[in-house]
């Protein structure tokens, strides 16, 4: 009986060792050799490599755009605490509703991202090509074309950059479709709705939005000249969007002041 228990114990140990070995081998294939951007093997995962390469630049760009109404250098703005905040709706006249200054807020945001992210995309593509060439691949590539679009839960970036890779055999990659998690679509939708309300009825009532968007916080800062600074923030992701409006302003000394 003792010998049988000993043999069973030995078999159990062998089974555990075998399972551990299988797990190690599986991890080796699931997570390729550590290199490249953020530990990503560019050869095995070029899409993920590009996403990791581009993410810091995209995050910085969106933060900058979001702080002043969707432009790098805003035109038609108020300056508050050293920050230039773009008017998305504005009137210079008392008792008048504002005129929308930036139609299609999300589309404009898409266009600015597309324009401003091009240099970063080119740098990441250059690094990707260098990774291939360092492993003996011959790379023939053309000019990269970039387009960005904010969609629900993501920012999508499409890179049209035909690349022919040759090493023993040849293969061609025409497009990279990259996705980055973001709640900017929801935030910009709310901003568009507020601007629409301001242009038609004046001061927007923001509490209603909180019933539909529990993760969103909206701050209103009403200034003495009748301008209002809106800040819309997702409290989970901490993404935000700030803009100004001036609608149905009252002269000093009126309107309950």
C-alpha atoms as a PDB file:
ATOM      1  CA  UNK A   1       0.000   0.000   0.000  1.00  0.00           C
ATOM      2  CA  UNK A   2       2.838   2.343   0.842  1.00  0.00           C
ATOM      3  CA  UNK A   3       4.475   1.760  -2.550  1.00  0.00           C
ATOM      4  CA  UNK A   4       1.184   2.394  -4.308  1.00  0.00           C
ATOM      5  CA  UNK A   5       0.706   5.710  -2.495  1.00  0.00           C
ATOM      6  CA  UNK A   6       4.277   6.670  -3.372  1.00  0.00           C
ATOM      7  CA  UNK A   7       3.691   5.927  -7.042  1.00  0.00           C
ATOM      8  CA  UNK A   8       0.445   7.891  -7.016  1.00  0.00           C
ATOM      9  CA  UNK A   9       2.279  10.833  -5.457  1.00  0.00           C
ATOM     10  CA  UNK A  10       4.962  10.668  -8.106  1.00  0.00           C
ATOM     11  CA  UNK A  11       2.351  10.568 -10.888  1.00  0.00           C
ATOM     12  CA  UNK A  12       0.623  13.604  -9.377  1.00  0.00           C
ATOM     13  CA  UNK A  13       3.903  15.522  -9.295  1.00  0.00           C
ATOM     14  CA  UNK A  14       4.611  14.619 -12.927  1.00  0.00           C
ATOM     15  CA  UNK A  15       1.130  15.784 -13.948  1.00  0.00           C
ATOM     16  CA  UNK A  16       1.601  19.109 -12.139  1.00  0.00           C
ATOM     17  CA  UNK A  17       5.021  19.612 -13.750  1.00  0.00           C
ATOM     18  CA  UNK A  18       3.605  18.777 -17.186  1.00  0.00           C
ATOM     19  CA  UNK A  19       0.746  21.250 -16.757  1.00  0.00           C
ATOM     20  CA  UNK A  20       3.174  23.931 -15.600  1.00  0.00           C
ATOM     21  CA  UNK A  21       5.371  23.308 -18.651  1.00  0.00           C
ATOM     22  CA  UNK A  22       2.358  23.540 -20.980  1.00  0.00           C
ATOM     23  CA  UNK A  23       1.338  26.817 -19.325  1.00  0.00           C
ATOM     24  CA  UNK A  24       4.833  28.273 -19.772  1.00  0.00           C
ATOM     25  CA  UNK A  25       4.900  27.270 -23.450  1.00  0.00           C
ATOM     26  CA  UNK A  26       1.427  28.771 -23.972  1.00  0.00           C
ATOM     27  CA  UNK A  27       2.476  32.053 -22.392  1.00  0.00           C
ATOM     28  CA  UNK A  28       5.562  32.136 -24.598  1.00  0.00           C
ATOM     29  CA  UNK A  29       3.422  31.995 -27.724  1.00  0.00           C
ATOM     30  CA  UNK A  30       0.719  34.320 -26.384  1.00  0.00           C
ATOM     31  CA  UNK A  31       3.232  37.009 -25.432  1.00  0.00           C
ATOM     32  CA  UNK A  32       5.977  37.221 -28.044  1.00  0.00           C
ATOM     33  CA  UNK A  33       9.521  38.203 -27.229  1.00  0.00           C
ATOM     34  CA  UNK A  34       9.550  41.528 -25.374  1.00  0.00           C
ATOM     35  CA  UNK A  35      10.691  44.364 -27.587  1.00  0.00           C
ATOM     36  CA  UNK A  36       9.430  47.417 -29.442  1.00  0.00           C
ATOM     37  CA  UNK A  37       6.980  49.939 -27.996  1.00  0.00           C
ATOM     38  CA  UNK A  38       5.526  48.920 -24.636  1.00  0.00           C
ATOM     39  CA  UNK A  39       6.889  45.400 -24.956  1.00  0.00           C
ATOM     40  CA  UNK A  40       5.011  44.760 -28.221  1.00  0.00           C
ATOM     41  CA  UNK A  41       6.726  42.763 -30.956  1.00  0.00           C
ATOM     42  CA  UNK A  42       6.198  44.915 -34.050  1.00  0.00           C
ATOM     43  CA  UNK A  43       6.631  41.988 -36.429  1.00  0.00           C
ATOM     44  CA  UNK A  44       3.999  39.817 -34.768  1.00  0.00           C
ATOM     45  CA  UNK A  45       1.579  42.632 -33.868  1.00  0.00           C
ATOM     46  CA  UNK A  46       2.070  45.705 -36.106  1.00  0.00           C
ATOM     47  CA  UNK A  47      -1.436  47.049 -35.356  1.00  0.00           C
ATOM     48  CA  UNK A  48      -0.971  46.829 -31.588  1.00  0.00           C
ATOM     49  CA  UNK A  49       2.538  48.262 -31.949  1.00  0.00           C
ATOM     50  CA  UNK A  50       1.154  51.313 -33.764  1.00  0.00           C
ATOM     51  CA  UNK A  51      -1.615  51.777 -31.197  1.00  0.00           C
ATOM     52  CA  UNK A  52       0.876  51.761 -28.330  1.00  0.00           C
ATOM     53  CA  UNK A  53       3.192  54.097 -30.235  1.00  0.00           C
ATOM     54  CA  UNK A  54       0.441  56.581 -31.108  1.00  0.00           C
ATOM     55  CA  UNK A  55      -1.579  56.548 -27.882  1.00  0.00           C
ATOM     56  CA  UNK A  56       0.492  59.131 -25.898  1.00  0.00           C
ATOM     57  CA  UNK A  57       0.377  61.675 -28.740  1.00  0.00           C
ATOM     58  CA  UNK A  58      -3.352  61.150 -29.297  1.00  0.00           C
ATOM     59  CA  UNK A  59      -4.162  61.482 -25.594  1.00  0.00           C
ATOM     60  CA  UNK A  60      -2.147  64.711 -25.340  1.00  0.00           C
ATOM     61  CA  UNK A  61      -3.800  66.131 -28.458  1.00  0.00           C
ATOM     62  CA  UNK A  62      -7.351  65.364 -27.304  1.00  0.00           C
ATOM     63  CA  UNK A  63      -6.629  66.889 -23.896  1.00  0.00           C
ATOM     64  CA  UNK A  64      -5.336  70.069 -25.534  1.00  0.00           C
ATOM     65  CA  UNK A  65      -8.298  70.359 -27.906  1.00  0.00           C
ATOM     66  CA  UNK A  66     -10.804  69.642 -25.154  1.00  0.00           C
ATOM     67  CA  UNK A  67      -9.502  72.422 -22.925  1.00  0.00           C
ATOM     68  CA  UNK A  68     -10.391  75.269 -25.304  1.00  0.00           C
ATOM     69  CA  UNK A  69     -13.415  74.235 -27.341  1.00  0.00           C
ATOM     70  CA  UNK A  70     -11.888  71.953 -29.954  1.00  0.00           C
ATOM     71  CA  UNK A  71      -9.127  74.023 -31.548  1.00  0.00           C
ATOM     72  CA  UNK A  72      -5.368  74.237 -31.118  1.00  0.00           C
ATOM     73  CA  UNK A  73      -5.450  78.017 -31.576  1.00  0.00           C
ATOM     74  CA  UNK A  74      -9.060  79.104 -31.037  1.00  0.00           C
ATOM     75  CA  UNK A  75     -10.570  82.042 -32.866  1.00  0.00           C
ATOM     76  CA  UNK A  76     -13.369  83.905 -31.118  1.00  0.00           C
ATOM     77  CA  UNK A  77     -12.621  83.116 -27.513  1.00  0.00           C
ATOM     78  CA  UNK A  78     -12.667  84.462 -23.989  1.00  0.00           C
ATOM     79  CA  UNK A  79      -9.624  84.266 -21.768  1.00  0.00           C
ATOM     80  CA  UNK A  80     -10.223  82.836 -18.325  1.00  0.00           C
ATOM     81  CA  UNK A  81      -7.508  81.935 -15.814  1.00  0.00           C
ATOM     82  CA  UNK A  82      -4.921  82.132 -18.595  1.00  0.00           C
ATOM     83  CA  UNK A  83      -6.847  79.695 -20.816  1.00  0.00           C
ATOM     84  CA  UNK A  84      -8.303  80.656 -24.210  1.00  0.00           C
ATOM     85  CA  UNK A  85     -11.763  79.114 -24.322  1.00  0.00           C
ATOM     86  CA  UNK A  86     -13.566  79.123 -27.643  1.00  0.00           C
ATOM     87  CA  UNK A  87     -17.083  80.491 -28.001  1.00  0.00           C
ATOM     88  CA  UNK A  88     -19.187  77.817 -29.666  1.00  0.00           C
ATOM     89  CA  UNK A  89     -22.205  80.129 -29.564  1.00  0.00           C
ATOM     90  CA  UNK A  90     -22.001  83.931 -29.298  1.00  0.00           C
ATOM     91  CA  UNK A  91     -23.870  87.200 -29.562  1.00  0.00           C
ATOM     92  CA  UNK A  92     -22.542  90.671 -28.888  1.00  0.00           C
ATOM     93  CA  UNK A  93     -26.067  92.089 -28.474  1.00  0.00           C
ATOM     94  CA  UNK A  94     -28.130  92.225 -25.307  1.00  0.00           C
ATOM     95  CA  UNK A  95     -31.415  90.270 -25.161  1.00  0.00           C
ATOM     96  CA  UNK A  96     -30.462  88.224 -28.234  1.00  0.00           C
ATOM     97  CA  UNK A  97     -29.850  84.509 -28.486  1.00  0.00           C
ATOM     98  CA  UNK A  98     -26.431  83.474 -29.708  1.00  0.00           C
ATOM     99  CA  UNK A  99     -25.338  82.380 -33.166  1.00  0.00           C
ATOM    100  CA  UNK A 100     -23.597  79.023 -33.447  1.00  0.00           C
ATOM    101  CA  UNK A 101     -19.913  79.660 -34.123  1.00  0.00           C
ATOM    102  CA  UNK A 102     -18.853  76.061 -34.738  1.00  0.00           C
ATOM    103  CA  UNK A 103     -21.392  73.847 -36.505  1.00  0.00           C
ATOM    104  CA  UNK A 104     -20.850  70.078 -36.395  1.00  0.00           C
ATOM    105  CA  UNK A 105     -18.670  70.088 -33.296  1.00  0.00           C
ATOM    106  CA  UNK A 106     -17.740  66.406 -33.484  1.00  0.00           C
ATOM    107  CA  UNK A 107     -16.906  66.546 -37.195  1.00  0.00           C
ATOM    108  CA  UNK A 108     -14.676  69.550 -36.564  1.00  0.00           C
ATOM    109  CA  UNK A 109     -12.967  67.664 -33.718  1.00  0.00           C
ATOM    110  CA  UNK A 110     -12.382  64.738 -36.112  1.00  0.00           C
ATOM    111  CA  UNK A 111     -10.854  67.049 -38.704  1.00  0.00           C
ATOM    112  CA  UNK A 112      -8.468  68.686 -36.230  1.00  0.00           C
ATOM    113  CA  UNK A 113      -7.299  65.326 -34.887  1.00  0.00           C
ATOM    114  CA  UNK A 114      -6.747  64.112 -38.458  1.00  0.00           C
ATOM    115  CA  UNK A 115      -4.652  67.175 -39.276  1.00  0.00           C
ATOM    116  CA  UNK A 116      -2.638  67.342 -36.066  1.00  0.00           C
ATOM    117  CA  UNK A 117      -1.882  63.627 -35.606  1.00  0.00           C
ATOM    118  CA  UNK A 118      -0.233  63.151 -39.022  1.00  0.00           C
ATOM    119  CA  UNK A 119       3.346  63.808 -37.855  1.00  0.00           C
ATOM    120  CA  UNK A 120       2.995  61.367 -34.969  1.00  0.00           C
ATOM    121  CA  UNK A 121       1.569  58.732 -37.314  1.00  0.00           C
ATOM    122  CA  UNK A 122       4.501  59.216 -39.689  1.00  0.00           C
ATOM    123  CA  UNK A 123       6.992  58.812 -36.838  1.00  0.00           C
ATOM    124  CA  UNK A 124       5.303  55.604 -35.680  1.00  0.00           C
ATOM    125  CA  UNK A 125       5.238  54.225 -39.228  1.00  0.00           C
ATOM    126  CA  UNK A 126       8.950  55.022 -39.607  1.00  0.00           C
ATOM    127  CA  UNK A 127       9.666  53.166 -36.364  1.00  0.00           C
ATOM    128  CA  UNK A 128       7.584  50.203 -37.520  1.00  0.00           C
ATOM    129  CA  UNK A 129       9.498  49.991 -40.806  1.00  0.00           C
ATOM    130  CA  UNK A 130      12.779  50.165 -38.878  1.00  0.00           C
ATOM    131  CA  UNK A 131      11.625  47.219 -36.726  1.00  0.00           C
ATOM    132  CA  UNK A 132      10.950  45.137 -39.838  1.00  0.00           C
ATOM    133  CA  UNK A 133      14.258  46.065 -41.449  1.00  0.00           C
ATOM    134  CA  UNK A 134      16.180  45.200 -38.259  1.00  0.00           C
ATOM    135  CA  UNK A 135      14.835  41.644 -38.656  1.00  0.00           C
ATOM    136  CA  UNK A 136      15.966  41.288 -42.239  1.00  0.00           C
ATOM    137  CA  UNK A 137      12.788  42.320 -44.001  1.00  0.00           C
ATOM    138  CA  UNK A 138      12.910  44.465 -47.123  1.00  0.00           C
ATOM    139  CA  UNK A 139      10.189  47.131 -46.933  1.00  0.00           C
ATOM    140  CA  UNK A 140       8.697  49.139 -49.779  1.00  0.00           C
ATOM    141  CA  UNK A 141       6.194  51.750 -48.600  1.00  0.00           C
ATOM    142  CA  UNK A 142       4.229  54.708 -49.896  1.00  0.00           C
ATOM    143  CA  UNK A 143       2.912  57.905 -48.368  1.00  0.00           C
ATOM    144  CA  UNK A 144       0.597  57.489 -45.385  1.00  0.00           C
ATOM    145  CA  UNK A 145      -2.920  58.932 -45.448  1.00  0.00           C
ATOM    146  CA  UNK A 146      -4.624  59.416 -42.111  1.00  0.00           C
ATOM    147  CA  UNK A 147      -8.240  59.875 -41.061  1.00  0.00           C
ATOM    148  CA  UNK A 148      -9.655  60.069 -37.536  1.00  0.00           C
ATOM    149  CA  UNK A 149     -13.218  59.664 -36.326  1.00  0.00           C
ATOM    150  CA  UNK A 150     -14.731  59.822 -32.865  1.00  0.00           C
ATOM    151  CA  UNK A 151     -17.319  57.047 -32.493  1.00  0.00           C
ATOM    152  CA  UNK A 152     -19.187  55.710 -29.450  1.00  0.00           C
ATOM    153  CA  UNK A 153     -16.634  54.471 -26.877  1.00  0.00           C
ATOM    154  CA  UNK A 154     -13.648  54.897 -29.196  1.00  0.00           C
ATOM    155  CA  UNK A 155     -11.493  57.149 -31.314  1.00  0.00           C
ATOM    156  CA  UNK A 156     -10.769  55.327 -34.574  1.00  0.00           C
ATOM    157  CA  UNK A 157      -7.734  56.167 -36.670  1.00  0.00           C
ATOM    158  CA  UNK A 158      -7.332  54.708 -40.141  1.00  0.00           C
ATOM    159  CA  UNK A 159      -3.877  54.704 -41.716  1.00  0.00           C
ATOM    160  CA  UNK A 160      -3.775  53.976 -45.446  1.00  0.00           C
ATOM    161  CA  UNK A 161      -0.128  53.150 -45.984  1.00  0.00           C
ATOM    162  CA  UNK A 162       0.606  50.391 -48.513  1.00  0.00           C
ATOM    163  CA  UNK A 163       3.641  48.369 -47.414  1.00  0.00           C
ATOM    164  CA  UNK A 164       5.202  45.449 -49.265  1.00  0.00           C
ATOM    165  CA  UNK A 165       7.269  43.229 -46.970  1.00  0.00           C
ATOM    166  CA  UNK A 166       9.752  40.794 -48.452  1.00  0.00           C
ATOM    167  CA  UNK A 167      11.671  38.054 -46.656  1.00  0.00           C
ATOM    168  CA  UNK A 168      11.689  34.661 -48.362  1.00  0.00           C
ATOM    169  CA  UNK A 169       8.130  35.501 -49.440  1.00  0.00           C
ATOM    170  CA  UNK A 170       6.299  38.801 -49.955  1.00  0.00           C
ATOM    171  CA  UNK A 171       3.146  40.171 -48.385  1.00  0.00           C
ATOM    172  CA  UNK A 172       1.385  43.513 -48.583  1.00  0.00           C
ATOM    173  CA  UNK A 173      -0.360  45.485 -45.865  1.00  0.00           C
ATOM    174  CA  UNK A 174      -2.591  48.254 -47.184  1.00  0.00           C
ATOM    175  CA  UNK A 175      -4.416  49.623 -44.152  1.00  0.00           C
ATOM    176  CA  UNK A 176      -4.107  49.825 -40.383  1.00  0.00           C
ATOM    177  CA  UNK A 177      -7.362  50.375 -38.479  1.00  0.00           C
ATOM    178  CA  UNK A 178      -6.526  51.522 -34.957  1.00  0.00           C
ATOM    179  CA  UNK A 179      -8.933  51.992 -32.043  1.00  0.00           C
ATOM    180  CA  UNK A 180      -8.468  53.887 -28.781  1.00  0.00           C
ATOM    181  CA  UNK A 181     -10.956  53.762 -25.916  1.00  0.00           C
ATOM    182  CA  UNK A 182     -12.607  57.135 -25.303  1.00  0.00           C
ATOM    183  CA  UNK A 183     -15.895  58.680 -24.164  1.00  0.00           C
ATOM    184  CA  UNK A 184     -15.458  61.872 -26.187  1.00  0.00           C
ATOM    185  CA  UNK A 185     -18.365  60.964 -28.501  1.00  0.00           C
ATOM    186  CA  UNK A 186     -20.827  61.176 -25.607  1.00  0.00           C
ATOM    187  CA  UNK A 187     -19.240  64.364 -24.266  1.00  0.00           C
ATOM    188  CA  UNK A 188     -19.305  66.124 -27.646  1.00  0.00           C
ATOM    189  CA  UNK A 189     -22.897  65.015 -28.213  1.00  0.00           C
ATOM    190  CA  UNK A 190     -23.901  66.741 -24.965  1.00  0.00           C
ATOM    191  CA  UNK A 191     -21.917  69.857 -25.939  1.00  0.00           C
ATOM    192  CA  UNK A 192     -23.723  69.976 -29.290  1.00  0.00           C
ATOM    193  CA  UNK A 193     -27.083  69.688 -27.560  1.00  0.00           C
ATOM    194  CA  UNK A 194     -26.244  72.503 -25.118  1.00  0.00           C
ATOM    195  CA  UNK A 195     -25.089  74.789 -27.931  1.00  0.00           C
ATOM    196  CA  UNK A 196     -28.279  74.070 -29.850  1.00  0.00           C
ATOM    197  CA  UNK A 197     -30.368  74.958 -26.803  1.00  0.00           C
ATOM    198  CA  UNK A 198     -28.399  78.160 -26.201  1.00  0.00           C
ATOM    199  CA  UNK A 199     -28.849  79.288 -29.804  1.00  0.00           C
ATOM    200  CA  UNK A 200     -32.617  78.878 -29.613  1.00  0.00           C
ATOM    201  CA  UNK A 201     -33.639  79.536 -26.015  1.00  0.00           C
ATOM    202  CA  UNK A 202     -30.669  81.005 -24.194  1.00  0.00           C
ATOM    203  CA  UNK A 203     -29.275  79.656 -20.907  1.00  0.00           C
ATOM    204  CA  UNK A 204     -29.285  75.831 -21.068  1.00  0.00           C
ATOM    205  CA  UNK A 205     -30.698  73.681 -18.280  1.00  0.00           C
ATOM    206  CA  UNK A 206     -28.091  70.983 -17.673  1.00  0.00           C
ATOM    207  CA  UNK A 207     -29.593  68.885 -14.877  1.00  0.00           C
ATOM    208  CA  UNK A 208     -31.702  66.872 -17.332  1.00  0.00           C
ATOM    209  CA  UNK A 209     -28.564  65.439 -18.937  1.00  0.00           C
ATOM    210  CA  UNK A 210     -27.473  63.907 -15.651  1.00  0.00           C
ATOM    211  CA  UNK A 211     -30.518  61.605 -15.643  1.00  0.00           C
ATOM    212  CA  UNK A 212     -29.421  60.080 -18.945  1.00  0.00           C
ATOM    213  CA  UNK A 213     -25.661  60.240 -18.412  1.00  0.00           C
ATOM    214  CA  UNK A 214     -24.933  59.302 -14.764  1.00  0.00           C
ATOM    215  CA  UNK A 215     -21.158  59.256 -15.370  1.00  0.00           C
ATOM    216  CA  UNK A 216     -21.161  62.836 -16.634  1.00  0.00           C
ATOM    217  CA  UNK A 217     -20.716  65.997 -14.579  1.00  0.00           C
ATOM    218  CA  UNK A 218     -21.534  69.410 -16.078  1.00  0.00           C
ATOM    219  CA  UNK A 219     -20.183  72.594 -14.542  1.00  0.00           C
ATOM    220  CA  UNK A 220     -21.456  76.071 -15.466  1.00  0.00           C
ATOM    221  CA  UNK A 221     -19.479  79.176 -14.657  1.00  0.00           C
ATOM    222  CA  UNK A 222     -21.547  82.290 -15.328  1.00  0.00           C
ATOM    223  CA  UNK A 223     -19.484  85.442 -15.847  1.00  0.00           C
ATOM    224  CA  UNK A 224     -20.494  89.051 -15.288  1.00  0.00           C
ATOM    225  CA  UNK A 225     -20.601  89.900 -19.011  1.00  0.00           C
ATOM    226  CA  UNK A 226     -23.259  87.255 -19.682  1.00  0.00           C
ATOM    227  CA  UNK A 227     -20.839  84.601 -20.896  1.00  0.00           C
ATOM    228  CA  UNK A 228     -21.071  81.057 -19.570  1.00  0.00           C
ATOM    229  CA  UNK A 229     -18.196  78.576 -19.449  1.00  0.00           C
ATOM    230  CA  UNK A 230     -19.329  74.969 -19.690  1.00  0.00           C
ATOM    231  CA  UNK A 231     -17.203  72.027 -18.620  1.00  0.00           C
ATOM    232  CA  UNK A 232     -18.507  68.543 -19.420  1.00  0.00           C
ATOM    233  CA  UNK A 233     -16.574  65.727 -17.755  1.00  0.00           C
ATOM    234  CA  UNK A 234     -16.846  61.958 -17.622  1.00  0.00           C
ATOM    235  CA  UNK A 235     -16.047  61.276 -13.969  1.00  0.00           C
ATOM    236  CA  UNK A 236     -14.874  57.719 -14.703  1.00  0.00           C
ATOM    237  CA  UNK A 237     -12.416  58.395 -17.542  1.00  0.00           C
ATOM    238  CA  UNK A 238     -11.757  62.040 -16.508  1.00  0.00           C
ATOM    239  CA  UNK A 239     -12.109  63.122 -20.146  1.00  0.00           C
ATOM    240  CA  UNK A 240     -13.676  66.568 -20.473  1.00  0.00           C
ATOM    241  CA  UNK A 241     -14.615  69.319 -22.888  1.00  0.00           C
ATOM    242  CA  UNK A 242     -14.696  73.041 -22.124  1.00  0.00           C
ATOM    243  CA  UNK A 243     -16.324  75.771 -24.203  1.00  0.00           C
ATOM    244  CA  UNK A 244     -17.982  79.167 -23.835  1.00  0.00           C
ATOM    245  CA  UNK A 245     -21.341  80.610 -24.838  1.00  0.00           C
ATOM    246  CA  UNK A 246     -22.932  84.056 -24.631  1.00  0.00           C
ATOM    247  CA  UNK A 247     -26.667  84.000 -25.210  1.00  0.00           C
ATOM    248  CA  UNK A 248     -29.481  86.343 -24.082  1.00  0.00           C
ATOM    249  CA  UNK A 249     -27.086  88.521 -22.080  1.00  0.00           C
ATOM    250  CA  UNK A 250     -28.493  91.314 -19.914  1.00  0.00           C
ATOM    251  CA  UNK A 251     -26.957  94.755 -19.517  1.00  0.00           C
ATOM    252  CA  UNK A 252     -25.142  95.378 -16.230  1.00  0.00           C
ATOM    253  CA  UNK A 253     -27.642  96.118 -13.454  1.00  0.00           C
ATOM    254  CA  UNK A 254     -30.495  94.157 -15.065  1.00  0.00           C
ATOM    255  CA  UNK A 255     -31.600  90.569 -15.051  1.00  0.00           C
ATOM    256  CA  UNK A 256     -31.600  90.224 -11.276  1.00  0.00           C
ATOM    257  CA  UNK A 257     -27.978  91.321 -10.824  1.00  0.00           C
END
